Amino acid sequence: MFKRLLAACLLLGVLACGRLAAAEPPTVPEGALRAGIIGLDTSHVIAFTKAINSPDAQGDIADVFVTAGFPGGTADNPSSINRVEGYTKQLREQGVTIYDTIEAMLPHVDAVLLESVDGRPHLDQARPVIAAGKPLFIDKPMAASLADVIEIFRLADEAKVPCFSSSSLRFGSVFQQMRTNPPVGKVQGCDAYSPCSLEPHHPDLFWYGVHGVEILFTIMGTGCQSVSCTATDGAHLVVGTWDGGRIGTFRGIRSGKSGYGATVFGAKAIESGGNYEGYLPLVEEICKFFKTGKAPVPKEETIELFAFMASADVSKQQGGKQVSIAEMIEKAEAFNAQRAAR
């Protein structure tokens, strides 16, 4: 309700001044939560801000406001650097205050969405947020390496700062139902698929295949033990073996018809379905997380998900050889120990 009143007051002010350029910063009611965004180089920042600041926002979104942003941008990634200026301009026009550094933004917000489209700067961008004690959501990919994913969670745990990462696909109603659907019964296996475009600075699945891998783990849960991968110019096919002999696969699509979906093999039935339901389910989870400090996705599941993708990369390089998830995590932790000792 108060977002509608604020929007009406803002509109009257704009009309009185006879201008539509940069909107005034939103007046945040006492007790509301102020969110800041790091990385204004993805369409997510526009979609998330519109959803959160909407006068019609309801439930956990209603008393959260995006009030601040830091542009960021990664110079050697055209998908990042070519978008920063335009998205920053759009946020200014929505009344979001833009800061030159993350450190300058942090005193003015209560929680942070790390949205930089390139995963490589995420660890360094997360450090000051964690040091400031702000709840932190990190958009996909959480990082550009498994080691960085593990290190971000370690820092957050050490500082007792709530932190989680997820693709929006995880919270689609169809995929949530597929995880525990009584008519289908206990999940025996799953074949998930999604688009899987590549970006040269990221392991193959991290850039976009992460969406489909998120679907796979939403349905299968943790317990993946080993991974093998076959890849061509048009597709990746990744096979994971879970505890109890369950098998889950991910098909990453780069040619032909694409989409998001899964087939679940249950104890009682086989079910296929899925689609993209937009950002709102994820935004609702983010806002709830900011208030409760309780991550909707356990860190262990996110780490295993990224170990699955990192293992697929190694398997592809080794001609499809099976790669151990546990060994992949151990190597990443050893790398972090060496990095800390430098």
C-alpha atoms as a PDB file:
ATOM      1  CA  MET A   1       0.000   0.000   0.000  1.00  0.00           C
ATOM      2  CA  PHE A   2       2.681   2.536   0.953  1.00  0.00           C
ATOM      3  CA  LYS A   3       4.518   1.869  -2.310  1.00  0.00           C
ATOM      4  CA  ARG A   4       1.412   3.017  -4.201  1.00  0.00           C
ATOM      5  CA  LEU A   5       1.238   6.181  -2.103  1.00  0.00           C
ATOM      6  CA  LEU A   6       4.933   6.848  -2.711  1.00  0.00           C
ATOM      7  CA  ALA A   7       4.499   6.310  -6.446  1.00  0.00           C
ATOM      8  CA  ALA A   8       1.582   8.752  -6.527  1.00  0.00           C
ATOM      9  CA  CYS A   9       3.565  11.380  -4.637  1.00  0.00           C
ATOM     10  CA  LEU A  10       6.545  10.888  -6.957  1.00  0.00           C
ATOM     11  CA  LEU A  11       4.355  11.256 -10.038  1.00  0.00           C
ATOM     12  CA  LEU A  12       2.852  14.484  -8.705  1.00  0.00           C
ATOM     13  CA  GLY A  13       6.342  15.814  -8.040  1.00  0.00           C
ATOM     14  CA  VAL A  14       7.478  14.943 -11.559  1.00  0.00           C
ATOM     15  CA  LEU A  15       4.445  16.590 -13.123  1.00  0.00           C
ATOM     16  CA  ALA A  16       4.904  19.701 -10.990  1.00  0.00           C
ATOM     17  CA  CYS A  17       8.522  20.021 -12.054  1.00  0.00           C
ATOM     18  CA  GLY A  18       7.697  19.268 -15.695  1.00  0.00           C
ATOM     19  CA  ARG A  19      10.481  16.723 -16.105  1.00  0.00           C
ATOM     20  CA  LEU A  20      10.819  12.978 -16.544  1.00  0.00           C
ATOM     21  CA  ALA A  21      14.587  12.530 -16.558  1.00  0.00           C
ATOM     22  CA  ALA A  22      16.048  11.295 -13.247  1.00  0.00           C
ATOM     23  CA  ALA A  23      13.430  10.411 -10.658  1.00  0.00           C
ATOM     24  CA  GLU A  24      13.938  11.417  -7.037  1.00  0.00           C
ATOM     25  CA  PRO A  25      15.251   8.665  -4.745  1.00  0.00           C
ATOM     26  CA  PRO A  26      12.366   6.738  -3.181  1.00  0.00           C
ATOM     27  CA  THR A  27      11.413   7.738   0.344  1.00  0.00           C
ATOM     28  CA  VAL A  28      11.818   4.541   2.339  1.00  0.00           C
ATOM     29  CA  PRO A  29       9.318   4.187   5.198  1.00  0.00           C
ATOM     30  CA  GLU A  30      10.670   3.488   8.676  1.00  0.00           C
ATOM     31  CA  GLY A  31      11.276  -0.210   9.141  1.00  0.00           C
ATOM     32  CA  ALA A  32      11.523  -0.966   5.417  1.00  0.00           C
ATOM     33  CA  LEU A  33      14.607  -2.688   4.038  1.00  0.00           C
ATOM     34  CA  ARG A  34      16.973  -0.838   1.690  1.00  0.00           C
ATOM     35  CA  ALA A  35      18.647  -3.041  -0.929  1.00  0.00           C
ATOM     36  CA  GLY A  36      21.695  -2.144  -2.988  1.00  0.00           C
ATOM     37  CA  ILE A  37      22.791  -3.697  -6.274  1.00  0.00           C
ATOM     38  CA  ILE A  38      26.376  -4.426  -7.320  1.00  0.00           C
ATOM     39  CA  GLY A  39      26.921  -4.822 -11.069  1.00  0.00           C
ATOM     40  CA  LEU A  40      24.584  -2.928 -13.371  1.00  0.00           C
ATOM     41  CA  ASP A  41      25.488  -4.944 -16.475  1.00  0.00           C
ATOM     42  CA  THR A  42      22.585  -7.384 -16.745  1.00  0.00           C
ATOM     43  CA  SER A  43      18.904  -7.111 -17.555  1.00  0.00           C
ATOM     44  CA  HIS A  44      18.253  -8.747 -14.179  1.00  0.00           C
ATOM     45  CA  VAL A  45      18.914  -5.449 -12.396  1.00  0.00           C
ATOM     46  CA  ILE A  46      16.112  -3.736 -14.305  1.00  0.00           C
ATOM     47  CA  ALA A  47      13.669  -6.618 -13.876  1.00  0.00           C
ATOM     48  CA  PHE A  48      14.462  -7.082 -10.177  1.00  0.00           C
ATOM     49  CA  THR A  49      14.248  -3.359  -9.406  1.00  0.00           C
ATOM     50  CA  LYS A  50      10.909  -3.004 -11.180  1.00  0.00           C
ATOM     51  CA  ALA A  51       9.529  -6.007  -9.280  1.00  0.00           C
ATOM     52  CA  ILE A  52      10.821  -4.856  -5.888  1.00  0.00           C
ATOM     53  CA  ASN A  53       9.951  -1.160  -6.231  1.00  0.00           C
ATOM     54  CA  SER A  54       6.575  -1.782  -7.858  1.00  0.00           C
ATOM     55  CA  PRO A  55       3.659   0.020  -6.170  1.00  0.00           C
ATOM     56  CA  ASP A  56       1.795  -3.289  -6.489  1.00  0.00           C
ATOM     57  CA  ALA A  57       4.463  -5.348  -4.685  1.00  0.00           C
ATOM     58  CA  GLN A  58       2.988  -7.735  -2.143  1.00  0.00           C
ATOM     59  CA  GLY A  59       4.087 -10.094   0.609  1.00  0.00           C
ATOM     60  CA  ASP A  60       7.785 -10.151   1.418  1.00  0.00           C
ATOM     61  CA  ILE A  61       8.560  -7.759  -1.445  1.00  0.00           C
ATOM     62  CA  ALA A  62       6.222  -4.999  -0.241  1.00  0.00           C
ATOM     63  CA  ASP A  63       8.545  -3.425   2.341  1.00  0.00           C
ATOM     64  CA  VAL A  64      11.819  -3.826   0.428  1.00  0.00           C
ATOM     65  CA  PHE A  65      13.192  -1.030  -1.782  1.00  0.00           C
ATOM     66  CA  VAL A  66      16.124  -0.958  -4.208  1.00  0.00           C
ATOM     67  CA  THR A  67      17.699   2.390  -3.340  1.00  0.00           C
ATOM     68  CA  ALA A  68      21.345   2.183  -4.443  1.00  0.00           C
ATOM     69  CA  GLY A  69      23.625   0.725  -7.072  1.00  0.00           C
ATOM     70  CA  PHE A  70      27.272   0.357  -8.071  1.00  0.00           C
ATOM     71  CA  PRO A  71      27.816  -0.005 -11.861  1.00  0.00           C
ATOM     72  CA  GLY A  72      30.867  -2.283 -11.982  1.00  0.00           C
ATOM     73  CA  GLY A  73      31.497  -3.884 -15.364  1.00  0.00           C
ATOM     74  CA  THR A  74      34.134  -6.271 -16.739  1.00  0.00           C
ATOM     75  CA  ALA A  75      36.241  -4.710 -19.501  1.00  0.00           C
ATOM     76  CA  ASP A  76      37.084  -7.887 -21.458  1.00  0.00           C
ATOM     77  CA  ASN A  77      33.515  -9.239 -21.513  1.00  0.00           C
ATOM     78  CA  PRO A  78      31.295  -7.513 -24.115  1.00  0.00           C
ATOM     79  CA  SER A  79      28.172  -8.947 -22.467  1.00  0.00           C
ATOM     80  CA  SER A  80      29.133  -6.889 -19.424  1.00  0.00           C
ATOM     81  CA  ILE A  81      30.917  -3.715 -20.447  1.00  0.00           C
ATOM     82  CA  ASN A  82      28.603  -2.904 -23.360  1.00  0.00           C
ATOM     83  CA  ARG A  83      25.553  -2.877 -21.088  1.00  0.00           C
ATOM     84  CA  VAL A  84      26.702  -0.978 -18.000  1.00  0.00           C
ATOM     85  CA  GLU A  85      26.003   2.533 -19.246  1.00  0.00           C
ATOM     86  CA  GLY A  86      22.485   1.791 -20.470  1.00  0.00           C
ATOM     87  CA  TYR A  87      21.329  -0.126 -17.405  1.00  0.00           C
ATOM     88  CA  THR A  88      22.896   2.442 -15.061  1.00  0.00           C
ATOM     89  CA  LYS A  89      20.956   5.171 -16.849  1.00  0.00           C
ATOM     90  CA  GLN A  90      17.712   3.211 -16.506  1.00  0.00           C
ATOM     91  CA  LEU A  91      18.222   2.733 -12.766  1.00  0.00           C
ATOM     92  CA  ARG A  92      18.939   6.433 -12.291  1.00  0.00           C
ATOM     93  CA  GLU A  93      15.667   7.159 -14.052  1.00  0.00           C
ATOM     94  CA  GLN A  94      13.942   4.876 -11.538  1.00  0.00           C
ATOM     95  CA  GLY A  95      15.307   6.943  -8.644  1.00  0.00           C
ATOM     96  CA  VAL A  96      18.160   4.629  -7.660  1.00  0.00           C
ATOM     97  CA  THR A  97      21.232   6.435  -6.287  1.00  0.00           C
ATOM     98  CA  ILE A  98      24.430   5.410  -8.093  1.00  0.00           C
ATOM     99  CA  TYR A  99      27.711   5.206  -6.162  1.00  0.00           C
ATOM    100  CA  ASP A 100      31.276   5.148  -7.493  1.00  0.00           C
ATOM    101  CA  THR A 101      32.441   2.340  -5.198  1.00  0.00           C
ATOM    102  CA  ILE A 102      30.930  -0.571  -3.317  1.00  0.00           C
ATOM    103  CA  GLU A 103      32.348   0.819  -0.083  1.00  0.00           C
ATOM    104  CA  ALA A 104      30.555   4.133  -0.636  1.00  0.00           C
ATOM    105  CA  MET A 105      27.242   2.356  -1.221  1.00  0.00           C
ATOM    106  CA  LEU A 106      27.270  -0.036   1.730  1.00  0.00           C
ATOM    107  CA  PRO A 107      26.459   2.434   4.566  1.00  0.00           C
ATOM    108  CA  HIS A 108      23.245   3.351   2.717  1.00  0.00           C
ATOM    109  CA  VAL A 109      21.790  -0.164   2.364  1.00  0.00           C
ATOM    110  CA  ASP A 110      20.688  -3.037   4.593  1.00  0.00           C
ATOM    111  CA  ALA A 111      21.238  -5.893   2.124  1.00  0.00           C
ATOM    112  CA  VAL A 112      22.916  -6.480  -1.236  1.00  0.00           C
ATOM    113  CA  LEU A 113      22.165  -8.186  -4.540  1.00  0.00           C
ATOM    114  CA  LEU A 114      25.437  -8.995  -6.330  1.00  0.00           C
ATOM    115  CA  GLU A 115      24.326  -9.003  -9.965  1.00  0.00           C
ATOM    116  CA  SER A 116      27.536  -8.615 -11.999  1.00  0.00           C
ATOM    117  CA  VAL A 117      26.934 -10.764 -15.078  1.00  0.00           C
ATOM    118  CA  ASP A 118      30.563 -11.947 -15.140  1.00  0.00           C
ATOM    119  CA  GLY A 119      31.370 -14.310 -12.286  1.00  0.00           C
ATOM    120  CA  ARG A 120      35.083 -13.491 -12.077  1.00  0.00           C
ATOM    121  CA  PRO A 121      34.812 -10.336  -9.923  1.00  0.00           C
ATOM    122  CA  HIS A 122      32.252 -11.832  -7.534  1.00  0.00           C
ATOM    123  CA  LEU A 123      34.709 -12.902  -4.829  1.00  0.00           C
ATOM    124  CA  ASP A 124      36.357  -9.480  -4.645  1.00  0.00           C
ATOM    125  CA  GLN A 125      32.984  -7.736  -4.820  1.00  0.00           C
ATOM    126  CA  ALA A 126      31.579  -9.949  -2.064  1.00  0.00           C
ATOM    127  CA  ARG A 127      34.443  -9.269   0.360  1.00  0.00           C
ATOM    128  CA  PRO A 128      33.429  -5.727   1.429  1.00  0.00           C
ATOM    129  CA  VAL A 129      29.756  -6.730   1.634  1.00  0.00           C
ATOM    130  CA  ILE A 130      30.578  -9.613   3.962  1.00  0.00           C
ATOM    131  CA  ALA A 131      32.955  -7.434   5.992  1.00  0.00           C
ATOM    132  CA  ALA A 132      30.101  -4.939   6.433  1.00  0.00           C
ATOM    133  CA  GLY A 133      27.773  -7.694   7.665  1.00  0.00           C
ATOM    134  CA  LYS A 134      25.124  -7.230   4.971  1.00  0.00           C
ATOM    135  CA  PRO A 135      22.954 -10.193   3.877  1.00  0.00           C
ATOM    136  CA  LEU A 136      24.103 -11.119   0.374  1.00  0.00           C
ATOM    137  CA  PHE A 137      22.371 -12.674  -2.615  1.00  0.00           C
ATOM    138  CA  ILE A 138      24.664 -13.562  -5.531  1.00  0.00           C
ATOM    139  CA  ASP A 139      23.101 -14.057  -8.952  1.00  0.00           C
ATOM    140  CA  LYS A 140      24.234 -16.732 -11.370  1.00  0.00           C
ATOM    141  CA  PRO A 141      26.951 -17.695 -11.827  1.00  0.00           C
ATOM    142  CA  MET A 142      27.962 -17.404  -8.161  1.00  0.00           C
ATOM    143  CA  ALA A 143      31.571 -17.246  -9.340  1.00  0.00           C
ATOM    144  CA  ALA A 144      33.752 -18.260 -12.271  1.00  0.00           C
ATOM    145  CA  SER A 145      35.450 -21.085 -10.369  1.00  0.00           C
ATOM    146  CA  LEU A 146      34.513 -23.678  -7.779  1.00  0.00           C
ATOM    147  CA  ALA A 147      37.319 -22.391  -5.555  1.00  0.00           C
ATOM    148  CA  ASP A 148      35.783 -18.909  -5.490  1.00  0.00           C
ATOM    149  CA  VAL A 149      32.347 -20.335  -4.658  1.00  0.00           C
ATOM    150  CA  ILE A 150      33.799 -22.209  -1.683  1.00  0.00           C
ATOM    151  CA  GLU A 151      35.787 -19.169  -0.549  1.00  0.00           C
ATOM    152  CA  ILE A 152      32.765 -16.857  -0.630  1.00  0.00           C
ATOM    153  CA  PHE A 153      30.820 -19.256   1.569  1.00  0.00           C
ATOM    154  CA  ARG A 154      33.810 -19.629   3.915  1.00  0.00           C
ATOM    155  CA  LEU A 155      34.089 -15.869   4.342  1.00  0.00           C
ATOM    156  CA  ALA A 156      30.345 -15.550   4.908  1.00  0.00           C
ATOM    157  CA  ASP A 157      30.341 -18.358   7.483  1.00  0.00           C
ATOM    158  CA  GLU A 158      33.337 -16.883   9.272  1.00  0.00           C
ATOM    159  CA  ALA A 159      31.613 -13.492   9.519  1.00  0.00           C
ATOM    160  CA  LYS A 160      28.186 -15.050  10.236  1.00  0.00           C
ATOM    161  CA  VAL A 161      26.728 -13.234   7.222  1.00  0.00           C
ATOM    162  CA  PRO A 162      23.737 -14.838   5.432  1.00  0.00           C
ATOM    163  CA  CYS A 163      24.571 -15.652   1.814  1.00  0.00           C
ATOM    164  CA  PHE A 164      23.013 -17.654  -1.000  1.00  0.00           C
ATOM    165  CA  SER A 165      23.045 -17.993  -4.767  1.00  0.00           C
ATOM    166  CA  SER A 166      20.547 -19.429  -7.223  1.00  0.00           C
ATOM    167  CA  SER A 167      19.193 -19.340 -10.732  1.00  0.00           C
ATOM    168  CA  SER A 168      15.614 -18.159 -11.071  1.00  0.00           C
ATOM    169  CA  LEU A 169      14.727 -21.556 -12.580  1.00  0.00           C
ATOM    170  CA  ARG A 170      15.002 -23.257  -9.183  1.00  0.00           C
ATOM    171  CA  PHE A 171      11.899 -21.565  -7.819  1.00  0.00           C
ATOM    172  CA  GLY A 172       9.547 -22.213 -10.729  1.00  0.00           C
ATOM    173  CA  SER A 173       6.432 -23.969  -9.432  1.00  0.00           C
ATOM    174  CA  VAL A 174       6.747 -26.929 -11.825  1.00  0.00           C
ATOM    175  CA  PHE A 175      10.326 -27.748 -10.813  1.00  0.00           C
ATOM    176  CA  GLN A 176       9.546 -27.309  -7.125  1.00  0.00           C
ATOM    177  CA  GLN A 177       6.690 -29.783  -7.466  1.00  0.00           C
ATOM    178  CA  MET A 178       8.846 -32.259  -9.377  1.00  0.00           C
ATOM    179  CA  ARG A 179      11.189 -32.556  -6.390  1.00  0.00           C
ATOM    180  CA  THR A 180       8.463 -33.958  -4.138  1.00  0.00           C
ATOM    181  CA  ASN A 181       5.410 -35.106  -6.083  1.00  0.00           C
ATOM    182  CA  PRO A 182       3.507 -37.951  -4.334  1.00  0.00           C
ATOM    183  CA  PRO A 183       1.906 -39.358  -7.531  1.00  0.00           C
ATOM    184  CA  VAL A 184       5.387 -39.721  -9.086  1.00  0.00           C
ATOM    185  CA  GLY A 185       6.983 -41.038  -5.922  1.00  0.00           C
ATOM    186  CA  LYS A 186      10.584 -40.913  -4.776  1.00  0.00           C
ATOM    187  CA  VAL A 187      12.866 -39.519  -7.482  1.00  0.00           C
ATOM    188  CA  GLN A 188      14.980 -42.245  -9.084  1.00  0.00           C
ATOM    189  CA  GLY A 189      16.507 -40.050 -11.769  1.00  0.00           C
ATOM    190  CA  CYS A 190      16.096 -36.903 -13.829  1.00  0.00           C
ATOM    191  CA  ASP A 191      16.954 -35.574 -17.291  1.00  0.00           C
ATOM    192  CA  ALA A 192      17.108 -31.754 -17.261  1.00  0.00           C
ATOM    193  CA  TYR A 193      17.813 -29.371 -20.121  1.00  0.00           C
ATOM    194  CA  SER A 194      18.312 -25.677 -20.849  1.00  0.00           C
ATOM    195  CA  PRO A 195      20.102 -23.341 -23.249  1.00  0.00           C
ATOM    196  CA  CYS A 196      23.878 -23.472 -22.808  1.00  0.00           C
ATOM    197  CA  SER A 197      25.655 -20.616 -24.564  1.00  0.00           C
ATOM    198  CA  LEU A 198      29.376 -20.337 -23.787  1.00  0.00           C
ATOM    199  CA  GLU A 199      31.593 -17.477 -22.600  1.00  0.00           C
ATOM    200  CA  PRO A 200      35.375 -17.888 -22.967  1.00  0.00           C
ATOM    201  CA  HIS A 201      36.274 -16.678 -19.461  1.00  0.00           C
ATOM    202  CA  HIS A 202      34.024 -19.197 -17.695  1.00  0.00           C
ATOM    203  CA  PRO A 203      33.904 -22.999 -17.496  1.00  0.00           C
ATOM    204  CA  ASP A 204      31.444 -24.206 -20.127  1.00  0.00           C
ATOM    205  CA  LEU A 205      28.349 -24.688 -17.962  1.00  0.00           C
ATOM    206  CA  PHE A 206      28.886 -21.762 -15.573  1.00  0.00           C
ATOM    207  CA  TRP A 207      27.776 -19.031 -17.970  1.00  0.00           C
ATOM    208  CA  TYR A 208      24.303 -20.238 -18.980  1.00  0.00           C
ATOM    209  CA  GLY A 209      24.083 -23.995 -18.535  1.00  0.00           C
ATOM    210  CA  VAL A 210      23.879 -23.274 -14.807  1.00  0.00           C
ATOM    211  CA  HIS A 211      20.139 -22.704 -15.303  1.00  0.00           C
ATOM    212  CA  GLY A 212      19.550 -26.292 -16.362  1.00  0.00           C
ATOM    213  CA  VAL A 213      21.955 -27.689 -13.776  1.00  0.00           C
ATOM    214  CA  GLU A 214      19.991 -25.752 -11.148  1.00  0.00           C
ATOM    215  CA  ILE A 215      16.846 -27.519 -12.384  1.00  0.00           C
ATOM    216  CA  LEU A 216      18.629 -30.869 -12.086  1.00  0.00           C
ATOM    217  CA  PHE A 217      19.748 -30.249  -8.500  1.00  0.00           C
ATOM    218  CA  THR A 218      16.384 -28.799  -7.518  1.00  0.00           C
ATOM    219  CA  ILE A 219      14.851 -32.159  -8.408  1.00  0.00           C
ATOM    220  CA  MET A 220      17.672 -34.575  -7.495  1.00  0.00           C
ATOM    221  CA  GLY A 221      19.083 -32.829  -4.430  1.00  0.00           C
ATOM    222  CA  THR A 222      22.612 -33.463  -3.206  1.00  0.00           C
ATOM    223  CA  GLY A 223      24.527 -36.727  -3.304  1.00  0.00           C
ATOM    224  CA  CYS A 224      26.158 -36.621  -6.736  1.00  0.00           C
ATOM    225  CA  GLN A 225      29.349 -38.672  -6.636  1.00  0.00           C
ATOM    226  CA  SER A 226      30.813 -38.557 -10.141  1.00  0.00           C
ATOM    227  CA  VAL A 227      30.333 -36.825 -13.480  1.00  0.00           C
ATOM    228  CA  SER A 228      31.123 -37.551 -17.118  1.00  0.00           C
ATOM    229  CA  CYS A 229      30.643 -35.187 -20.045  1.00  0.00           C
ATOM    230  CA  THR A 230      30.420 -35.359 -23.817  1.00  0.00           C
ATOM    231  CA  ALA A 231      30.300 -32.129 -25.811  1.00  0.00           C
ATOM    232  CA  THR A 232      29.910 -31.087 -29.445  1.00  0.00           C
ATOM    233  CA  ASP A 233      29.487 -27.674 -31.035  1.00  0.00           C
ATOM    234  CA  GLY A 234      25.733 -27.974 -30.590  1.00  0.00           C
ATOM    235  CA  ALA A 235      25.329 -29.492 -27.145  1.00  0.00           C
ATOM    236  CA  HIS A 236      26.710 -30.758 -23.858  1.00  0.00           C
ATOM    237  CA  LEU A 237      25.495 -34.016 -22.334  1.00  0.00           C
ATOM    238  CA  VAL A 238      26.528 -34.425 -18.704  1.00  0.00           C
ATOM    239  CA  VAL A 239      25.794 -37.585 -16.718  1.00  0.00           C
ATOM    240  CA  GLY A 240      25.941 -37.568 -12.930  1.00  0.00           C
ATOM    241  CA  THR A 241      25.829 -40.635 -10.708  1.00  0.00           C
ATOM    242  CA  TRP A 242      24.154 -40.019  -7.352  1.00  0.00           C
ATOM    243  CA  ASP A 243      24.296 -42.099  -4.185  1.00  0.00           C
ATOM    244  CA  GLY A 244      22.048 -45.136  -4.290  1.00  0.00           C
ATOM    245  CA  GLY A 245      22.719 -45.585  -8.000  1.00  0.00           C
ATOM    246  CA  ARG A 246      20.449 -42.748  -9.113  1.00  0.00           C
ATOM    247  CA  ILE A 247      21.394 -41.057 -12.390  1.00  0.00           C
ATOM    248  CA  GLY A 248      20.780 -37.454 -13.368  1.00  0.00           C
ATOM    249  CA  THR A 249      21.626 -35.872 -16.705  1.00  0.00           C
ATOM    250  CA  PHE A 250      21.886 -32.355 -18.053  1.00  0.00           C
ATOM    251  CA  ARG A 251      21.585 -31.515 -21.752  1.00  0.00           C
ATOM    252  CA  GLY A 252      22.942 -28.076 -22.603  1.00  0.00           C
ATOM    253  CA  ILE A 253      21.469 -26.896 -25.905  1.00  0.00           C
ATOM    254  CA  ARG A 254      23.240 -24.651 -28.427  1.00  0.00           C
ATOM    255  CA  SER A 255      21.558 -25.626 -31.708  1.00  0.00           C
ATOM    256  CA  GLY A 256      17.995 -26.351 -32.727  1.00  0.00           C
ATOM    257  CA  LYS A 257      14.966 -25.709 -30.569  1.00  0.00           C
ATOM    258  CA  SER A 258      15.844 -24.676 -27.023  1.00  0.00           C
ATOM    259  CA  GLY A 259      13.959 -24.319 -23.756  1.00  0.00           C
ATOM    260  CA  TYR A 260      13.853 -25.244 -20.065  1.00  0.00           C
ATOM    261  CA  GLY A 261      12.471 -28.496 -18.717  1.00  0.00           C
ATOM    262  CA  ALA A 262      12.974 -31.892 -17.151  1.00  0.00           C
ATOM    263  CA  THR A 263      11.788 -35.477 -17.124  1.00  0.00           C
ATOM    264  CA  VAL A 264      11.574 -37.080 -13.695  1.00  0.00           C
ATOM    265  CA  PHE A 265      11.734 -40.840 -13.266  1.00  0.00           C
ATOM    266  CA  GLY A 266       9.919 -41.730 -10.068  1.00  0.00           C
ATOM    267  CA  ALA A 267       9.139 -44.854  -8.113  1.00  0.00           C
ATOM    268  CA  LYS A 268       5.497 -44.653  -9.254  1.00  0.00           C
ATOM    269  CA  ALA A 269       5.462 -42.673 -12.503  1.00  0.00           C
ATOM    270  CA  ILE A 270       7.417 -40.698 -15.085  1.00  0.00           C
ATOM    271  CA  GLU A 271       6.670 -36.994 -15.444  1.00  0.00           C
ATOM    272  CA  SER A 272       7.871 -34.389 -17.954  1.00  0.00           C
ATOM    273  CA  GLY A 273       7.341 -30.667 -17.856  1.00  0.00           C
ATOM    274  CA  GLY A 274       8.699 -27.273 -17.018  1.00  0.00           C
ATOM    275  CA  ASN A 275       8.995 -23.798 -18.408  1.00  0.00           C
ATOM    276  CA  TYR A 276      10.427 -20.417 -17.510  1.00  0.00           C
ATOM    277  CA  GLU A 277       8.158 -18.599 -15.053  1.00  0.00           C
ATOM    278  CA  GLY A 278      10.030 -15.301 -14.851  1.00  0.00           C
ATOM    279  CA  TYR A 279      11.966 -13.642 -12.040  1.00  0.00           C
ATOM    280  CA  LEU A 280       9.216 -13.011  -9.490  1.00  0.00           C
ATOM    281  CA  PRO A 281       9.517 -16.350  -7.614  1.00  0.00           C
ATOM    282  CA  LEU A 282      13.257 -15.731  -7.140  1.00  0.00           C
ATOM    283  CA  VAL A 283      12.722 -12.090  -6.133  1.00  0.00           C
ATOM    284  CA  GLU A 284      10.230 -13.208  -3.483  1.00  0.00           C
ATOM    285  CA  GLU A 285      12.781 -15.658  -2.078  1.00  0.00           C
ATOM    286  CA  ILE A 286      15.514 -12.996  -2.064  1.00  0.00           C
ATOM    287  CA  CYS A 287      13.368 -10.503  -0.153  1.00  0.00           C
ATOM    288  CA  LYS A 288      12.291 -13.158   2.360  1.00  0.00           C
ATOM    289  CA  PHE A 289      15.951 -14.137   2.809  1.00  0.00           C
ATOM    290  CA  PHE A 290      16.971 -10.524   3.441  1.00  0.00           C
ATOM    291  CA  LYS A 291      14.499 -10.379   6.329  1.00  0.00           C
ATOM    292  CA  THR A 292      14.988 -13.797   7.896  1.00  0.00           C
ATOM    293  CA  GLY A 293      18.657 -14.432   7.179  1.00  0.00           C
ATOM    294  CA  LYS A 294      17.718 -18.006   6.255  1.00  0.00           C
ATOM    295  CA  ALA A 295      19.039 -19.153   2.869  1.00  0.00           C
ATOM    296  CA  PRO A 296      16.455 -21.020   0.758  1.00  0.00           C
ATOM    297  CA  VAL A 297      19.259 -23.083  -0.795  1.00  0.00           C
ATOM    298  CA  PRO A 298      21.820 -24.792   1.481  1.00  0.00           C
ATOM    299  CA  LYS A 299      25.418 -23.842   0.744  1.00  0.00           C
ATOM    300  CA  GLU A 300      26.270 -27.548   0.460  1.00  0.00           C
ATOM    301  CA  GLU A 301      23.889 -27.912  -2.474  1.00  0.00           C
ATOM    302  CA  THR A 302      25.278 -24.866  -4.264  1.00  0.00           C
ATOM    303  CA  ILE A 303      28.859 -26.054  -3.772  1.00  0.00           C
ATOM    304  CA  GLU A 304      27.978 -29.506  -5.107  1.00  0.00           C
ATOM    305  CA  LEU A 305      26.158 -27.947  -8.069  1.00  0.00           C
ATOM    306  CA  PHE A 306      29.268 -25.968  -9.015  1.00  0.00           C
ATOM    307  CA  ALA A 307      31.465 -29.017  -8.436  1.00  0.00           C
ATOM    308  CA  PHE A 308      29.206 -30.878 -10.888  1.00  0.00           C
ATOM    309  CA  MET A 309      29.789 -28.188 -13.540  1.00  0.00           C
ATOM    310  CA  ALA A 310      33.528 -27.945 -12.853  1.00  0.00           C
ATOM    311  CA  SER A 311      33.813 -31.738 -13.061  1.00  0.00           C
ATOM    312  CA  ALA A 312      31.989 -31.701 -16.394  1.00  0.00           C
ATOM    313  CA  ASP A 313      34.614 -29.305 -17.738  1.00  0.00           C
ATOM    314  CA  VAL A 314      37.450 -31.585 -16.623  1.00  0.00           C
ATOM    315  CA  SER A 315      35.682 -34.671 -17.987  1.00  0.00           C
ATOM    316  CA  LYS A 316      35.256 -33.029 -21.385  1.00  0.00           C
ATOM    317  CA  GLN A 317      38.959 -32.174 -21.468  1.00  0.00           C
ATOM    318  CA  GLN A 318      39.763 -35.814 -20.610  1.00  0.00           C
ATOM    319  CA  GLY A 319      37.591 -37.303 -23.346  1.00  0.00           C
ATOM    320  CA  GLY A 320      34.569 -38.108 -21.213  1.00  0.00           C
ATOM    321  CA  LYS A 321      36.358 -39.711 -18.271  1.00  0.00           C
ATOM    322  CA  GLN A 322      34.407 -39.934 -15.000  1.00  0.00           C
ATOM    323  CA  VAL A 323      35.441 -37.264 -12.504  1.00  0.00           C
ATOM    324  CA  SER A 324      34.900 -37.498  -8.748  1.00  0.00           C
ATOM    325  CA  ILE A 325      32.880 -34.678  -7.168  1.00  0.00           C
ATOM    326  CA  ALA A 326      34.603 -35.157  -3.803  1.00  0.00           C
ATOM    327  CA  GLU A 327      38.055 -34.952  -5.385  1.00  0.00           C
ATOM    328  CA  MET A 328      37.052 -31.822  -7.309  1.00  0.00           C
ATOM    329  CA  ILE A 329      35.979 -30.120  -4.074  1.00  0.00           C
ATOM    330  CA  GLU A 330      39.176 -31.239  -2.311  1.00  0.00           C
ATOM    331  CA  LYS A 331      41.310 -29.731  -5.085  1.00  0.00           C
ATOM    332  CA  ALA A 332      39.394 -26.439  -4.889  1.00  0.00           C
ATOM    333  CA  GLU A 333      39.869 -26.301  -1.117  1.00  0.00           C
ATOM    334  CA  ALA A 334      43.589 -27.034  -1.520  1.00  0.00           C
ATOM    335  CA  PHE A 335      43.849 -24.205  -4.049  1.00  0.00           C
ATOM    336  CA  ASN A 336      42.176 -21.856  -1.571  1.00  0.00           C
ATOM    337  CA  ALA A 337      44.616 -22.879   1.153  1.00  0.00           C
ATOM    338  CA  GLN A 338      47.549 -22.147  -1.146  1.00  0.00           C
ATOM    339  CA  ARG A 339      45.987 -18.833  -2.179  1.00  0.00           C
ATOM    340  CA  ALA A 340      45.556 -17.791   1.453  1.00  0.00           C
ATOM    341  CA  ALA A 341      49.190 -18.641   2.214  1.00  0.00           C
ATOM    342  CA  ARG A 342      50.600 -16.376  -0.505  1.00  0.00           C
END
